[in-house]
Amino acid sequence: MVEVVSIAAARQLSGLRMVSLAGVPSPWTEAAKGIFRVKGIDYVLAQWSEDEPQDAAARWVGNVGVPAVIFDEERVRTGWAEILLLAERIAPEPTLLPGDPEQRALALGFSHEICGEMGLGWSQRLVMMGVSFGIQPGEGFPRQVAEYLAPRYGWHDGADEVGKARVIELLGTFSRRLDGHDYVMQDRLTAVDIYLATFLNLIRPLPPEQLPMADMIRTAYTCSDPEIMAACDERIRAHQERIYERHLELPVQL
């Protein structure tokens, strides 16, 4: 079990600490947790405590959102790539990036297509906002949550349709990569697999006994768009289950 402490307590510690939001399976956070787990890196999870100011995390790391990763006295890291590269430096083995330069570039490119701007996670968030704003059918976030997220993801008229097209395109790409293979890079686990498995929870969350979360969040995270769900085919679903069962934490601790 990872130790969970208050923001104030984490600030007094050295080593690796990560600020997260309790009870919410942010895929960027869950992916970082998965990377640390696979590498056997000890870390502390810092979460807001009721006896702390509401802005306790921002006072420490700035208004950067989650996850925010702090290693000793080094700069705060929030981006998926810088968190991955920090983990690779702290624990070079097992590596989660291929050694061959071309394959490494391919793995980093695939990772961006999941974690980066207009990647799978970003694009599905646009789809989810379309539901929350009543543009698309279904139950999404409360409207105030969607309004908070909208500027962070560059919301504009039609953004939900653009996001949907990207999600379908990317799911098809990864499904083809998994044809006849257990892993996206085919022969071994890489960071790409951790990203794909954790980010799929924005479309098809793991069952409650494996990923406990509030009903409102689960409803918002469960995609009902028939075209997206058709693209989330058996290869994609089996990959998510395989990666969690073989490599990640079950049940997930939020």
Protein backbone atom coordinates (compact mmCIF):
# COMPACT_ATOMS: atom_id res chain seq x y z
CA MET A 1 0.00 0.00 0.00
CA VAL A 2 1.19 3.49 -0.83
CA GLU A 3 1.33 5.83 2.16
CA VAL A 4 -1.23 8.64 1.94
CA VAL A 5 -0.47 11.79 3.93
CA SER A 6 -1.69 15.37 4.13
CA ILE A 7 -0.22 18.13 2.00
CA ALA A 8 1.44 19.61 5.07
CA ALA A 9 3.02 16.29 6.03
CA ALA A 10 4.29 15.67 2.50
CA ARG A 11 5.98 19.06 2.42
CA GLN A 12 8.15 18.02 5.35
CA LEU A 13 9.37 14.84 3.65
CA SER A 14 12.13 14.18 1.13
CA GLY A 15 12.14 11.66 -1.66
CA LEU A 16 9.33 11.21 -4.16
CA ARG A 17 5.92 12.71 -3.42
CA MET A 18 2.88 13.10 -5.64
CA VAL A 19 -0.08 15.39 -5.09
CA SER A 20 -3.37 13.82 -6.15
CA LEU A 21 -7.11 14.37 -5.77
CA ALA A 22 -8.68 11.85 -3.39
CA GLY A 23 -11.45 9.68 -4.79
CA VAL A 24 -11.03 10.72 -8.44
CA PRO A 25 -9.31 8.34 -10.90
CA SER A 26 -7.56 10.98 -13.00
CA PRO A 27 -5.87 8.91 -15.72
CA TRP A 28 -2.77 11.12 -15.67
CA THR A 29 -2.41 10.41 -11.94
CA GLU A 30 -3.23 6.71 -12.24
CA ALA A 31 -0.67 6.32 -15.03
CA ALA A 32 2.06 7.91 -12.89
CA LYS A 33 1.13 5.61 -10.01
CA GLY A 34 1.34 2.64 -12.37
CA ILE A 35 4.78 3.66 -13.59
CA PHE A 36 6.08 3.98 -10.03
CA ARG A 37 4.56 0.60 -9.13
CA VAL A 38 6.09 -1.27 -12.06
CA LYS A 39 9.48 0.25 -11.29
CA GLY A 40 9.21 -0.45 -7.56
CA ILE A 41 9.72 3.22 -6.67
CA ASP A 42 8.64 4.17 -3.16
CA TYR A 43 6.64 7.39 -2.96
CA VAL A 44 4.13 9.22 -0.81
CA LEU A 45 0.71 10.25 -2.06
CA ALA A 46 -0.16 13.75 -0.83
CA GLN A 47 -3.88 14.55 -0.59
CA TRP A 48 -5.75 17.46 0.90
CA SER A 49 -6.89 17.02 4.50
CA GLU A 50 -9.96 18.70 6.01
CA ASP A 51 -7.84 20.54 8.57
CA GLU A 52 -5.81 22.26 5.81
CA PRO A 53 -6.60 25.39 3.79
CA GLN A 54 -8.41 24.68 0.52
CA ASP A 55 -5.40 25.99 -1.40
CA ALA A 56 -2.80 23.97 0.56
CA ALA A 57 -1.58 22.16 -2.56
CA ALA A 58 -1.40 25.35 -4.62
CA ARG A 59 0.66 27.03 -1.90
CA TRP A 60 3.19 24.23 -2.26
CA VAL A 61 3.34 23.37 -5.95
CA GLY A 62 1.45 26.24 -7.57
CA ASN A 63 -1.88 26.11 -9.38
CA VAL A 64 -0.78 23.31 -11.69
CA GLY A 65 -3.49 20.71 -11.14
CA VAL A 66 -2.80 17.03 -10.54
CA PRO A 67 -0.68 15.07 -10.61
CA ALA A 68 2.17 17.17 -9.32
CA VAL A 69 5.34 15.19 -8.63
CA ILE A 70 8.11 16.45 -6.36
CA PHE A 71 11.44 14.67 -5.96
CA ASP A 72 13.60 15.98 -3.10
CA GLU A 73 14.23 19.68 -3.79
CA GLU A 74 13.89 19.46 -7.56
CA ARG A 75 11.35 21.39 -9.61
CA VAL A 76 7.72 20.34 -9.64
CA ARG A 77 6.86 18.03 -12.52
CA THR A 78 3.32 17.85 -13.90
CA GLY A 79 3.60 16.67 -17.51
CA TRP A 80 3.30 12.99 -18.36
CA ALA A 81 6.64 12.90 -20.20
CA GLU A 82 8.68 14.63 -17.49
CA ILE A 83 7.18 12.33 -14.85
CA LEU A 84 8.04 9.28 -16.94
CA LEU A 85 11.61 10.46 -17.57
CA LEU A 86 12.08 11.21 -13.87
CA ALA A 87 10.97 7.67 -13.04
CA GLU A 88 13.35 6.28 -15.66
CA ARG A 89 16.18 8.20 -14.00
CA ILE A 90 15.32 7.16 -10.44
CA ALA A 91 14.90 3.50 -11.36
CA PRO A 92 16.48 2.68 -14.74
CA GLU A 93 15.29 -0.93 -14.49
CA PRO A 94 12.86 -2.17 -15.49
CA THR A 95 12.87 0.39 -18.25
CA LEU A 96 9.53 1.42 -19.68
CA LEU A 97 10.98 2.83 -22.88
CA PRO A 98 12.68 0.81 -25.65
CA GLY A 99 16.44 1.11 -25.94
CA ASP A 100 16.43 1.37 -29.73
CA PRO A 101 16.16 5.08 -30.65
CA GLU A 102 13.53 4.58 -33.34
CA GLN A 103 11.39 2.35 -31.14
CA ARG A 104 11.83 4.79 -28.24
CA ALA A 105 10.61 7.64 -30.45
CA LEU A 106 7.65 5.53 -31.53
CA ALA A 107 6.77 4.71 -27.90
CA LEU A 108 6.98 8.37 -26.91
CA GLY A 109 4.83 9.31 -29.90
CA PHE A 110 2.18 6.76 -28.98
CA SER A 111 2.32 8.00 -25.38
CA HIS A 112 1.67 11.55 -26.57
CA GLU A 113 -1.29 10.29 -28.59
CA ILE A 114 -2.78 9.07 -25.31
CA CYS A 115 -1.65 11.67 -22.76
CA GLY A 116 -0.90 14.82 -24.73
CA GLU A 117 -2.96 17.65 -26.17
CA MET A 118 -5.69 16.21 -28.43
CA GLY A 119 -4.62 12.73 -27.39
CA LEU A 120 -7.03 10.05 -26.22
CA GLY A 121 -7.54 11.50 -22.73
CA TRP A 122 -7.82 15.12 -23.87
CA SER A 123 -10.21 14.23 -26.69
CA GLN A 124 -12.44 12.07 -24.51
CA ARG A 125 -12.63 14.93 -22.00
CA LEU A 126 -14.06 17.06 -24.84
CA VAL A 127 -16.63 14.33 -25.51
CA MET A 128 -17.50 14.25 -21.80
CA MET A 129 -17.94 18.04 -21.75
CA GLY A 130 -20.31 17.80 -24.71
CA VAL A 131 -22.46 15.44 -22.64
CA SER A 132 -22.23 17.69 -19.59
CA PHE A 133 -23.31 20.73 -21.61
CA GLY A 134 -26.32 18.81 -22.97
CA ILE A 135 -25.03 18.79 -26.54
CA GLN A 136 -24.78 15.00 -26.57
CA PRO A 137 -27.10 12.51 -24.83
CA GLY A 138 -26.12 10.95 -21.53
CA GLU A 139 -25.16 11.97 -18.01
CA GLY A 140 -21.91 13.87 -17.57
CA PHE A 141 -20.19 16.01 -14.99
CA PRO A 142 -22.21 18.66 -13.16
CA ARG A 143 -22.28 21.69 -15.40
CA GLN A 144 -20.05 23.72 -13.08
CA VAL A 145 -17.35 21.06 -13.35
CA ALA A 146 -17.57 21.12 -17.14
CA GLU A 147 -17.37 24.93 -17.13
CA TYR A 148 -14.21 24.70 -14.98
CA LEU A 149 -12.63 22.17 -17.35
CA ALA A 150 -13.66 23.86 -20.60
CA PRO A 151 -10.92 26.52 -20.82
CA ARG A 152 -8.27 24.01 -19.76
CA TYR A 153 -9.10 21.84 -22.77
CA GLY A 154 -9.72 24.63 -25.28
CA TRP A 155 -13.46 24.08 -25.50
CA HIS A 156 -15.21 25.65 -28.51
CA ASP A 157 -18.35 25.00 -30.50
CA GLY A 158 -18.03 21.59 -32.10
CA ALA A 159 -15.12 20.52 -29.87
CA ASP A 160 -17.04 17.42 -28.76
CA GLU A 161 -17.35 16.20 -32.36
CA VAL A 162 -13.67 16.87 -33.03
CA GLY A 163 -12.81 14.99 -29.85
CA LYS A 164 -15.06 12.08 -30.78
CA ALA A 165 -13.42 11.67 -34.16
CA ARG A 166 -9.98 11.65 -32.53
CA VAL A 167 -11.03 9.09 -29.92
CA ILE A 168 -12.37 6.72 -32.57
CA GLU A 169 -9.27 7.20 -34.73
CA LEU A 170 -6.89 6.53 -31.83
CA LEU A 171 -8.76 3.50 -30.52
CA GLY A 172 -8.58 2.03 -34.02
CA THR A 173 -4.84 2.70 -34.17
CA PHE A 174 -4.16 0.92 -30.89
CA SER A 175 -6.49 -1.95 -31.71
CA ARG A 176 -4.48 -2.62 -34.86
CA ARG A 177 -1.22 -2.48 -32.88
CA LEU A 178 -2.62 -5.12 -30.52
CA ASP A 179 -3.65 -7.53 -33.26
CA GLY A 180 -1.91 -10.76 -32.21
CA HIS A 181 0.14 -9.04 -29.47
CA ASP A 182 -0.21 -8.58 -25.72
CA TYR A 183 1.48 -5.17 -25.70
CA VAL A 184 1.33 -2.06 -27.89
CA MET A 185 5.07 -2.29 -28.66
CA GLN A 186 4.36 -5.97 -29.25
CA ASP A 187 7.08 -7.83 -27.34
CA ARG A 188 7.21 -6.21 -23.89
CA LEU A 189 5.53 -3.88 -21.44
CA THR A 190 6.25 -0.19 -21.99
CA ALA A 191 4.82 3.04 -20.64
CA VAL A 192 2.42 3.07 -23.60
CA ASP A 193 0.57 0.06 -22.16
CA ILE A 194 0.21 1.72 -18.77
CA TYR A 195 -1.13 4.88 -20.38
CA LEU A 196 -3.60 3.04 -22.61
CA ALA A 197 -4.95 0.88 -19.77
CA THR A 198 -5.39 3.74 -17.30
CA PHE A 199 -6.81 6.24 -19.80
CA LEU A 200 -9.39 3.71 -20.97
CA ASN A 201 -11.08 4.29 -17.61
CA LEU A 202 -12.39 7.56 -19.14
CA ILE A 203 -14.39 5.43 -21.59
CA ARG A 204 -14.84 2.04 -19.97
CA PRO A 205 -14.02 2.15 -16.24
CA LEU A 206 -12.95 -1.00 -14.48
CA PRO A 207 -15.78 -2.52 -12.40
CA PRO A 208 -16.53 -1.04 -8.96
CA GLU A 209 -14.81 -3.84 -7.06
CA GLN A 210 -11.59 -3.04 -8.92
CA LEU A 211 -11.93 0.73 -9.24
CA PRO A 212 -14.14 2.18 -6.48
CA MET A 213 -15.39 5.72 -7.10
CA ALA A 214 -18.46 7.83 -6.43
CA ASP A 215 -21.49 6.98 -8.58
CA MET A 216 -21.52 10.47 -10.11
CA ILE A 217 -17.93 10.12 -11.28
CA ARG A 218 -18.49 6.60 -12.60
CA THR A 219 -21.51 7.78 -14.58
CA ALA A 220 -19.53 10.65 -16.10
CA TYR A 221 -16.62 8.34 -16.92
CA THR A 222 -18.79 5.69 -18.59
CA CYS A 223 -19.11 6.43 -22.28
CA SER A 224 -22.46 5.68 -23.92
CA ASP A 225 -21.64 6.83 -27.44
CA PRO A 226 -22.24 3.76 -29.64
CA GLU A 227 -19.56 4.68 -32.19
CA ILE A 228 -16.87 5.18 -29.55
CA MET A 229 -17.86 1.97 -27.79
CA ALA A 230 -17.70 0.08 -31.09
CA ALA A 231 -14.14 1.36 -31.57
CA CYS A 232 -13.34 0.24 -28.01
CA ASP A 233 -13.25 -3.32 -29.27
CA GLU A 234 -12.29 -6.64 -27.73
CA ARG A 235 -8.56 -6.11 -28.29
CA ILE A 236 -8.65 -2.79 -26.42
CA ARG A 237 -10.79 -4.17 -23.59
CA ALA A 238 -8.66 -7.29 -23.21
CA HIS A 239 -5.49 -5.18 -23.13
CA GLN A 240 -6.84 -3.05 -20.29
CA GLU A 241 -7.76 -6.12 -18.25
CA ARG A 242 -4.42 -7.81 -19.00
CA ILE A 243 -2.28 -4.82 -18.02
CA TYR A 244 -4.11 -4.30 -14.73
CA GLU A 245 -4.06 -8.00 -13.84
CA ARG A 246 -0.38 -8.48 -14.72
CA HIS A 247 1.21 -5.18 -13.77
CA LEU A 248 -0.96 -2.65 -11.93
CA GLU A 249 -2.70 -2.26 -8.59
CA LEU A 250 -6.03 -4.05 -8.03
CA PRO A 251 -8.20 -2.89 -6.45
CA VAL A 252 -7.11 0.65 -7.28
CA GLN A 253 -6.44 2.85 -4.26
CA LEU A 254 -7.69 6.37 -4.86
